[in-house]
């Protein structure tokens, strides 16, 4: 998607994605997301 908007779009674009990490069990289940 970043490539698409960089190559064919004409407005500022950025992204937020999950960390490159496995997901934990328990209270931290969403900490990397």
ModelCIF file with pLDDT and N, C-alpha, C, O atoms, coordinates in Angstrom:
data_MODEL
#
_entry.id   MODEL 
#
_entity.id                         1 
_entity.type                       polymer 
_entity.pdbx_number_of_molecules   1 
#
_entity_poly.entity_id                      1 
_entity_poly.type                           'polypeptide(L)' 
_entity_poly.nstd_linkage                   no 
_entity_poly.nstd_monomer                   no 
_entity_poly.pdbx_seq_one_letter_code       
;(UNK)(UNK)(UNK)(UNK)(UNK)(UNK)(UNK)(UNK)(UNK)(UNK)(UNK)(UNK)(UNK)(UNK)(UNK)(UNK)
(UNK)(UNK)(UNK)(UNK)(UNK)(UNK)(UNK)(UNK)(UNK)(UNK)(UNK)(UNK)(UNK)(UNK)(UNK)(UNK)
(UNK)
;
_entity_poly.pdbx_seq_one_letter_code_can   XXXXXXXXXXXXXXXXXXXXXXXXXXXXXXXXX 
_entity_poly.pdbx_strand_id                 A 
#
loop_
_entity_poly_seq.entity_id 
_entity_poly_seq.num 
_entity_poly_seq.mon_id 
_entity_poly_seq.hetero 
1 1  UNK n 
1 2  UNK n 
1 3  UNK n 
1 4  UNK n 
1 5  UNK n 
1 6  UNK n 
1 7  UNK n 
1 8  UNK n 
1 9  UNK n 
1 10 UNK n 
1 11 UNK n 
1 12 UNK n 
1 13 UNK n 
1 14 UNK n 
1 15 UNK n 
1 16 UNK n 
1 17 UNK n 
1 18 UNK n 
1 19 UNK n 
1 20 UNK n 
1 21 UNK n 
1 22 UNK n 
1 23 UNK n 
1 24 UNK n 
1 25 UNK n 
1 26 UNK n 
1 27 UNK n 
1 28 UNK n 
1 29 UNK n 
1 30 UNK n 
1 31 UNK n 
1 32 UNK n 
1 33 UNK n 
#
_struct_asym.id          A 
_struct_asym.entity_id   1 
#
loop_
_ma_qa_metric.id 
_ma_qa_metric.mode 
_ma_qa_metric.name 
_ma_qa_metric.software_group_id 
_ma_qa_metric.type 
1 global pLDDT . pLDDT 
2 local  pLDDT . pLDDT 
#
_ma_qa_metric_global.metric_id      1 
_ma_qa_metric_global.metric_value   92.55 
_ma_qa_metric_global.model_id       1 
_ma_qa_metric_global.ordinal_id     1 
#
loop_
_ma_qa_metric_local.label_asym_id 
_ma_qa_metric_local.label_comp_id 
_ma_qa_metric_local.label_seq_id 
_ma_qa_metric_local.metric_id 
_ma_qa_metric_local.metric_value 
_ma_qa_metric_local.model_id 
_ma_qa_metric_local.ordinal_id 
A UNK 1  2 97.00 1 1  
A UNK 2  2 96.00 1 2  
A UNK 3  2 96.00 1 3  
A UNK 4  2 96.00 1 4  
A UNK 5  2 95.00 1 5  
A UNK 6  2 94.00 1 6  
A UNK 7  2 94.00 1 7  
A UNK 8  2 91.00 1 8  
A UNK 9  2 78.00 1 9  
A UNK 10 2 84.00 1 10 
A UNK 11 2 87.00 1 11 
A UNK 12 2 90.00 1 12 
A UNK 13 2 94.00 1 13 
A UNK 14 2 96.00 1 14 
A UNK 15 2 97.00 1 15 
A UNK 16 2 97.00 1 16 
A UNK 17 2 97.00 1 17 
A UNK 18 2 96.00 1 18 
A UNK 19 2 96.00 1 19 
A UNK 20 2 94.00 1 20 
A UNK 21 2 94.00 1 21 
A UNK 22 2 92.00 1 22 
A UNK 23 2 91.00 1 23 
A UNK 24 2 90.00 1 24 
A UNK 25 2 89.00 1 25 
A UNK 26 2 88.00 1 26 
A UNK 27 2 89.00 1 27 
A UNK 28 2 90.00 1 28 
A UNK 29 2 91.00 1 29 
A UNK 30 2 92.00 1 30 
A UNK 31 2 93.00 1 31 
A UNK 32 2 94.00 1 32 
A UNK 33 2 96.00 1 33 
#
loop_
_atom_site.group_PDB 
_atom_site.id 
_atom_site.type_symbol 
_atom_site.label_atom_id 
_atom_site.label_alt_id 
_atom_site.label_comp_id 
_atom_site.label_asym_id 
_atom_site.label_entity_id 
_atom_site.label_seq_id 
_atom_site.pdbx_PDB_ins_code 
_atom_site.Cartn_x 
_atom_site.Cartn_y 
_atom_site.Cartn_z 
_atom_site.occupancy 
_atom_site.B_iso_or_equiv 
_atom_site.pdbx_formal_charge 
_atom_site.auth_seq_id 
_atom_site.auth_comp_id 
_atom_site.auth_asym_id 
_atom_site.auth_atom_id 
_atom_site.pdbx_PDB_model_num 
ATOM 1   N N  . UNK A 1 1  ? 0.823  -1.205  0.000  1.00 97.00 ? 1  UNK A N  1 
ATOM 2   C CA . UNK A 1 1  ? 0.000  0.000   0.000  1.00 97.00 ? 1  UNK A CA 1 
ATOM 3   C C  . UNK A 1 1  ? 0.861  1.261   0.000  1.00 97.00 ? 1  UNK A C  1 
ATOM 4   O O  . UNK A 1 1  ? 0.548  2.233   -0.689 1.00 97.00 ? 1  UNK A O  1 
ATOM 5   N N  . UNK A 1 2  ? 1.934  1.241   0.767  1.00 96.00 ? 2  UNK A N  1 
ATOM 6   C CA . UNK A 1 2  ? 2.838  2.393   0.751  1.00 96.00 ? 2  UNK A CA 1 
ATOM 7   C C  . UNK A 1 2  ? 3.451  2.570   -0.638 1.00 96.00 ? 2  UNK A C  1 
ATOM 8   O O  . UNK A 1 2  ? 3.590  3.690   -1.130 1.00 96.00 ? 2  UNK A O  1 
ATOM 9   N N  . UNK A 1 3  ? 3.814  1.449   -1.260 1.00 96.00 ? 3  UNK A N  1 
ATOM 10  C CA . UNK A 1 3  ? 4.362  1.537   -2.616 1.00 96.00 ? 3  UNK A CA 1 
ATOM 11  C C  . UNK A 1 3  ? 3.334  2.108   -3.579 1.00 96.00 ? 3  UNK A C  1 
ATOM 12  O O  . UNK A 1 3  ? 3.665  2.928   -4.435 1.00 96.00 ? 3  UNK A O  1 
ATOM 13  N N  . UNK A 1 4  ? 2.086  1.674   -3.437 1.00 96.00 ? 4  UNK A N  1 
ATOM 14  C CA . UNK A 1 4  ? 1.025  2.158   -4.325 1.00 96.00 ? 4  UNK A CA 1 
ATOM 15  C C  . UNK A 1 4  ? 0.858  3.668   -4.211 1.00 96.00 ? 4  UNK A C  1 
ATOM 16  O O  . UNK A 1 4  ? 0.815  4.373   -5.219 1.00 96.00 ? 4  UNK A O  1 
ATOM 17  N N  . UNK A 1 5  ? 0.765  4.160   -2.976 1.00 95.00 ? 5  UNK A N  1 
ATOM 18  C CA . UNK A 1 5  ? 0.517  5.596   -2.798 1.00 95.00 ? 5  UNK A CA 1 
ATOM 19  C C  . UNK A 1 5  ? 1.760  6.428   -3.099 1.00 95.00 ? 5  UNK A C  1 
ATOM 20  O O  . UNK A 1 5  ? 1.646  7.603   -3.447 1.00 95.00 ? 5  UNK A O  1 
ATOM 21  N N  . UNK A 1 6  ? 2.949  5.832   -2.967 1.00 94.00 ? 6  UNK A N  1 
ATOM 22  C CA . UNK A 1 6  ? 4.163  6.550   -3.326 1.00 94.00 ? 6  UNK A CA 1 
ATOM 23  C C  . UNK A 1 6  ? 4.314  6.649   -4.843 1.00 94.00 ? 6  UNK A C  1 
ATOM 24  O O  . UNK A 1 6  ? 4.755  7.673   -5.365 1.00 94.00 ? 6  UNK A O  1 
ATOM 25  N N  . UNK A 1 7  ? 3.947  5.583   -5.539 1.00 94.00 ? 7  UNK A N  1 
ATOM 26  C CA . UNK A 1 7  ? 4.144  5.545   -6.982 1.00 94.00 ? 7  UNK A CA 1 
ATOM 27  C C  . UNK A 1 7  ? 3.023  6.224   -7.758 1.00 94.00 ? 7  UNK A C  1 
ATOM 28  O O  . UNK A 1 7  ? 3.259  6.813   -8.813 1.00 94.00 ? 7  UNK A O  1 
ATOM 29  N N  . UNK A 1 8  ? 1.787  6.140   -7.225 1.00 91.00 ? 8  UNK A N  1 
ATOM 30  C CA . UNK A 1 8  ? 0.658  6.631   -8.005 1.00 91.00 ? 8  UNK A CA 1 
ATOM 31  C C  . UNK A 1 8  ? -0.152 7.718   -7.289 1.00 91.00 ? 8  UNK A C  1 
ATOM 32  O O  . UNK A 1 8  ? -1.033 8.331   -7.891 1.00 91.00 ? 8  UNK A O  1 
ATOM 33  N N  . UNK A 1 9  ? 0.139  7.954   -6.021 1.00 78.00 ? 9  UNK A N  1 
ATOM 34  C CA . UNK A 1 9  ? -0.592 8.978   -5.285 1.00 78.00 ? 9  UNK A CA 1 
ATOM 35  C C  . UNK A 1 9  ? 0.157  10.300  -5.300 1.00 78.00 ? 9  UNK A C  1 
ATOM 36  O O  . UNK A 1 9  ? 1.302  10.376  -5.746 1.00 78.00 ? 9  UNK A O  1 
ATOM 37  N N  . UNK A 1 10 ? -0.500 11.331  -4.811 1.00 84.00 ? 10 UNK A N  1 
ATOM 38  C CA . UNK A 1 10 ? 0.138  12.652  -4.794 1.00 84.00 ? 10 UNK A CA 1 
ATOM 39  C C  . UNK A 1 10 ? -0.133 13.376  -3.479 1.00 84.00 ? 10 UNK A C  1 
ATOM 40  O O  . UNK A 1 10 ? -0.232 14.602  -3.441 1.00 84.00 ? 10 UNK A O  1 
ATOM 41  N N  . UNK A 1 11 ? -0.254 12.591  -2.389 1.00 87.00 ? 11 UNK A N  1 
ATOM 42  C CA . UNK A 1 11 ? -0.508 13.191  -1.087 1.00 87.00 ? 11 UNK A CA 1 
ATOM 43  C C  . UNK A 1 11 ? 0.312  12.453  -0.040 1.00 87.00 ? 11 UNK A C  1 
ATOM 44  O O  . UNK A 1 11 ? 0.721  11.316  -0.272 1.00 87.00 ? 11 UNK A O  1 
ATOM 45  N N  . UNK A 1 12 ? 0.557  13.072  1.097  1.00 90.00 ? 12 UNK A N  1 
ATOM 46  C CA . UNK A 1 12 ? 1.351  12.417  2.142  1.00 90.00 ? 12 UNK A CA 1 
ATOM 47  C C  . UNK A 1 12 ? 0.685  11.128  2.615  1.00 90.00 ? 12 UNK A C  1 
ATOM 48  O O  . UNK A 1 12 ? -0.527 11.083  2.826  1.00 90.00 ? 12 UNK A O  1 
ATOM 49  N N  . UNK A 1 13 ? 1.483  10.095  2.777  1.00 94.00 ? 13 UNK A N  1 
ATOM 50  C CA . UNK A 1 13 ? 0.978  8.813   3.261  1.00 94.00 ? 13 UNK A CA 1 
ATOM 51  C C  . UNK A 1 13 ? 1.976  8.233   4.251  1.00 94.00 ? 13 UNK A C  1 
ATOM 52  O O  . UNK A 1 13 ? 3.189  8.370   4.086  1.00 94.00 ? 13 UNK A O  1 
ATOM 53  N N  . UNK A 1 14 ? 1.458  7.598   5.261  1.00 96.00 ? 14 UNK A N  1 
ATOM 54  C CA . UNK A 1 14 ? 2.292  6.906   6.229  1.00 96.00 ? 14 UNK A CA 1 
ATOM 55  C C  . UNK A 1 14 ? 1.559  5.664   6.698  1.00 96.00 ? 14 UNK A C  1 
ATOM 56  O O  . UNK A 1 14 ? 0.401  5.447   6.340  1.00 96.00 ? 14 UNK A O  1 
ATOM 57  N N  . UNK A 1 15 ? 2.225  4.856   7.489  1.00 97.00 ? 15 UNK A N  1 
ATOM 58  C CA . UNK A 1 15 ? 1.590  3.619   7.929  1.00 97.00 ? 15 UNK A CA 1 
ATOM 59  C C  . UNK A 1 15 ? 1.858  3.360   9.405  1.00 97.00 ? 15 UNK A C  1 
ATOM 60  O O  . UNK A 1 15 ? 2.843  3.819   9.984  1.00 97.00 ? 15 UNK A O  1 
ATOM 61  N N  . UNK A 1 16 ? 0.941  2.610   9.975  1.00 97.00 ? 16 UNK A N  1 
ATOM 62  C CA . UNK A 1 16 ? 1.136  2.052   11.302 1.00 97.00 ? 16 UNK A CA 1 
ATOM 63  C C  . UNK A 1 16 ? 0.834  0.566   11.185 1.00 97.00 ? 16 UNK A C  1 
ATOM 64  O O  . UNK A 1 16 ? -0.226 0.175   10.697 1.00 97.00 ? 16 UNK A O  1 
ATOM 65  N N  . UNK A 1 17 ? 1.762  -0.247  11.630 1.00 97.00 ? 17 UNK A N  1 
ATOM 66  C CA . UNK A 1 17 ? 1.616  -1.698  11.509 1.00 97.00 ? 17 UNK A CA 1 
ATOM 67  C C  . UNK A 1 17 ? 2.075  -2.357  12.802 1.00 97.00 ? 17 UNK A C  1 
ATOM 68  O O  . UNK A 1 17 ? 2.656  -1.707  13.672 1.00 97.00 ? 17 UNK A O  1 
ATOM 69  N N  . UNK A 1 18 ? 1.810  -3.643  12.917 1.00 96.00 ? 18 UNK A N  1 
ATOM 70  C CA . UNK A 1 18 ? 2.245  -4.387  14.097 1.00 96.00 ? 18 UNK A CA 1 
ATOM 71  C C  . UNK A 1 18 ? 3.761  -4.512  14.112 1.00 96.00 ? 18 UNK A C  1 
ATOM 72  O O  . UNK A 1 18 ? 4.414  -4.444  13.071 1.00 96.00 ? 18 UNK A O  1 
ATOM 73  N N  . UNK A 1 19 ? 4.303  -4.695  15.296 1.00 96.00 ? 19 UNK A N  1 
ATOM 74  C CA . UNK A 1 19 ? 5.732  -4.914  15.419 1.00 96.00 ? 19 UNK A CA 1 
ATOM 75  C C  . UNK A 1 19 ? 6.094  -6.291  14.862 1.00 96.00 ? 19 UNK A C  1 
ATOM 76  O O  . UNK A 1 19 ? 5.267  -7.202  14.820 1.00 96.00 ? 19 UNK A O  1 
ATOM 77  N N  . UNK A 1 20 ? 7.341  -6.415  14.441 1.00 94.00 ? 20 UNK A N  1 
ATOM 78  C CA . UNK A 1 20 ? 7.830  -7.703  13.950 1.00 94.00 ? 20 UNK A CA 1 
ATOM 79  C C  . UNK A 1 20 ? 8.118  -8.617  15.139 1.00 94.00 ? 20 UNK A C  1 
ATOM 80  O O  . UNK A 1 20 ? 9.265  -8.804  15.546 1.00 94.00 ? 20 UNK A O  1 
ATOM 81  N N  . UNK A 1 21 ? 7.060  -9.167  15.671 1.00 94.00 ? 21 UNK A N  1 
ATOM 82  C CA . UNK A 1 21 ? 7.168  -9.950  16.889 1.00 94.00 ? 21 UNK A CA 1 
ATOM 83  C C  . UNK A 1 21 ? 5.999  -10.927 16.964 1.00 94.00 ? 21 UNK A C  1 
ATOM 84  O O  . UNK A 1 21 ? 4.930  -10.659 16.417 1.00 94.00 ? 21 UNK A O  1 
ATOM 85  N N  . UNK A 1 22 ? 6.198  -12.057 17.638 1.00 92.00 ? 22 UNK A N  1 
ATOM 86  C CA . UNK A 1 22 ? 5.080  -12.954 17.913 1.00 92.00 ? 22 UNK A CA 1 
ATOM 87  C C  . UNK A 1 22 ? 4.192  -12.343 18.990 1.00 92.00 ? 22 UNK A C  1 
ATOM 88  O O  . UNK A 1 22 ? 4.572  -11.382 19.659 1.00 92.00 ? 22 UNK A O  1 
ATOM 89  N N  . UNK A 1 23 ? 3.016  -12.912 19.143 1.00 91.00 ? 23 UNK A N  1 
ATOM 90  C CA . UNK A 1 23 ? 2.023  -12.358 20.070 1.00 91.00 ? 23 UNK A CA 1 
ATOM 91  C C  . UNK A 1 23 ? 2.060  -13.145 21.375 1.00 91.00 ? 23 UNK A C  1 
ATOM 92  O O  . UNK A 1 23 ? 2.154  -14.372 21.378 1.00 91.00 ? 23 UNK A O  1 
ATOM 93  N N  . UNK A 1 24 ? 1.984  -12.416 22.472 1.00 90.00 ? 24 UNK A N  1 
ATOM 94  C CA . UNK A 1 24 ? 2.045  -13.027 23.798 1.00 90.00 ? 24 UNK A CA 1 
ATOM 95  C C  . UNK A 1 24 ? 0.652  -13.429 24.273 1.00 90.00 ? 24 UNK A C  1 
ATOM 96  O O  . UNK A 1 24 ? -0.363 -12.950 23.766 1.00 90.00 ? 24 UNK A O  1 
ATOM 97  N N  . UNK A 1 25 ? 0.635  -14.320 25.258 1.00 89.00 ? 25 UNK A N  1 
ATOM 98  C CA . UNK A 1 25 ? -0.607 -14.663 25.954 1.00 89.00 ? 25 UNK A CA 1 
ATOM 99  C C  . UNK A 1 25 ? -0.739 -13.776 27.193 1.00 89.00 ? 25 UNK A C  1 
ATOM 100 O O  . UNK A 1 25 ? 0.261  -13.323 27.750 1.00 89.00 ? 25 UNK A O  1 
ATOM 101 N N  . UNK A 1 26 ? -1.970 -13.535 27.616 1.00 88.00 ? 26 UNK A N  1 
ATOM 102 C CA . UNK A 1 26 ? -2.180 -12.787 28.849 1.00 88.00 ? 26 UNK A CA 1 
ATOM 103 C C  . UNK A 1 26 ? -2.417 -11.308 28.600 1.00 88.00 ? 26 UNK A C  1 
ATOM 104 O O  . UNK A 1 26 ? -2.820 -10.922 27.503 1.00 88.00 ? 26 UNK A O  1 
ATOM 105 N N  . UNK A 1 27 ? -2.174 -10.486 29.592 1.00 89.00 ? 27 UNK A N  1 
ATOM 106 C CA . UNK A 1 27 ? -2.511 -9.051  29.488 1.00 89.00 ? 27 UNK A CA 1 
ATOM 107 C C  . UNK A 1 27 ? -1.811 -8.335  28.337 1.00 89.00 ? 27 UNK A C  1 
ATOM 108 O O  . UNK A 1 27 ? -2.302 -7.313  27.858 1.00 89.00 ? 27 UNK A O  1 
ATOM 109 N N  . UNK A 1 28 ? -0.651 -8.867  27.881 1.00 90.00 ? 28 UNK A N  1 
ATOM 110 C CA . UNK A 1 28 ? 0.105  -8.195  26.816 1.00 90.00 ? 28 UNK A CA 1 
ATOM 111 C C  . UNK A 1 28 ? -0.292 -8.669  25.426 1.00 90.00 ? 28 UNK A C  1 
ATOM 112 O O  . UNK A 1 28 ? 0.452  -8.468  24.466 1.00 90.00 ? 28 UNK A O  1 
ATOM 113 N N  . UNK A 1 29 ? -1.467 -9.301  25.307 1.00 91.00 ? 29 UNK A N  1 
ATOM 114 C CA . UNK A 1 29 ? -1.854 -9.909  24.027 1.00 91.00 ? 29 UNK A CA 1 
ATOM 115 C C  . UNK A 1 29 ? -1.871 -8.915  22.871 1.00 91.00 ? 29 UNK A C  1 
ATOM 116 O O  . UNK A 1 29 ? -1.635 -9.304  21.727 1.00 91.00 ? 29 UNK A O  1 
ATOM 117 N N  . UNK A 1 30 ? -2.146 -7.632  23.145 1.00 92.00 ? 30 UNK A N  1 
ATOM 118 C CA . UNK A 1 30 ? -2.241 -6.641  22.069 1.00 92.00 ? 30 UNK A CA 1 
ATOM 119 C C  . UNK A 1 30 ? -1.107 -5.629  22.097 1.00 92.00 ? 30 UNK A C  1 
ATOM 120 O O  . UNK A 1 30 ? -1.150 -4.622  21.391 1.00 92.00 ? 30 UNK A O  1 
ATOM 121 N N  . UNK A 1 31 ? -0.095 -5.896  22.911 1.00 93.00 ? 31 UNK A N  1 
ATOM 122 C CA . UNK A 1 31 ? 0.953  -4.892  23.105 1.00 93.00 ? 31 UNK A CA 1 
ATOM 123 C C  . UNK A 1 31 ? 1.733  -4.592  21.836 1.00 93.00 ? 31 UNK A C  1 
ATOM 124 O O  . UNK A 1 31 ? 2.224  -3.476  21.670 1.00 93.00 ? 31 UNK A O  1 
ATOM 125 N N  . UNK A 1 32 ? 1.857  -5.562  20.936 1.00 94.00 ? 32 UNK A N  1 
ATOM 126 C CA . UNK A 1 32 ? 2.638  -5.353  19.705 1.00 94.00 ? 32 UNK A CA 1 
ATOM 127 C C  . UNK A 1 32 ? 1.780  -4.924  18.520 1.00 94.00 ? 32 UNK A C  1 
ATOM 128 O O  . UNK A 1 32 ? 2.292  -4.765  17.412 1.00 94.00 ? 32 UNK A O  1 
ATOM 129 N N  . UNK A 1 33 ? 0.493  -4.736  18.741 1.00 96.00 ? 33 UNK A N  1 
ATOM 130 C CA . UNK A 1 33 ? -0.448 -4.490  17.644 1.00 96.00 ? 33 UNK A CA 1 
ATOM 131 C C  . UNK A 1 33 ? -0.937 -3.040  17.647 1.00 96.00 ? 33 UNK A C  1 
ATOM 132 O O  . UNK A 1 33 ? -1.735 -2.656  16.792 1.00 96.00 ? 33 UNK A O  1 
#
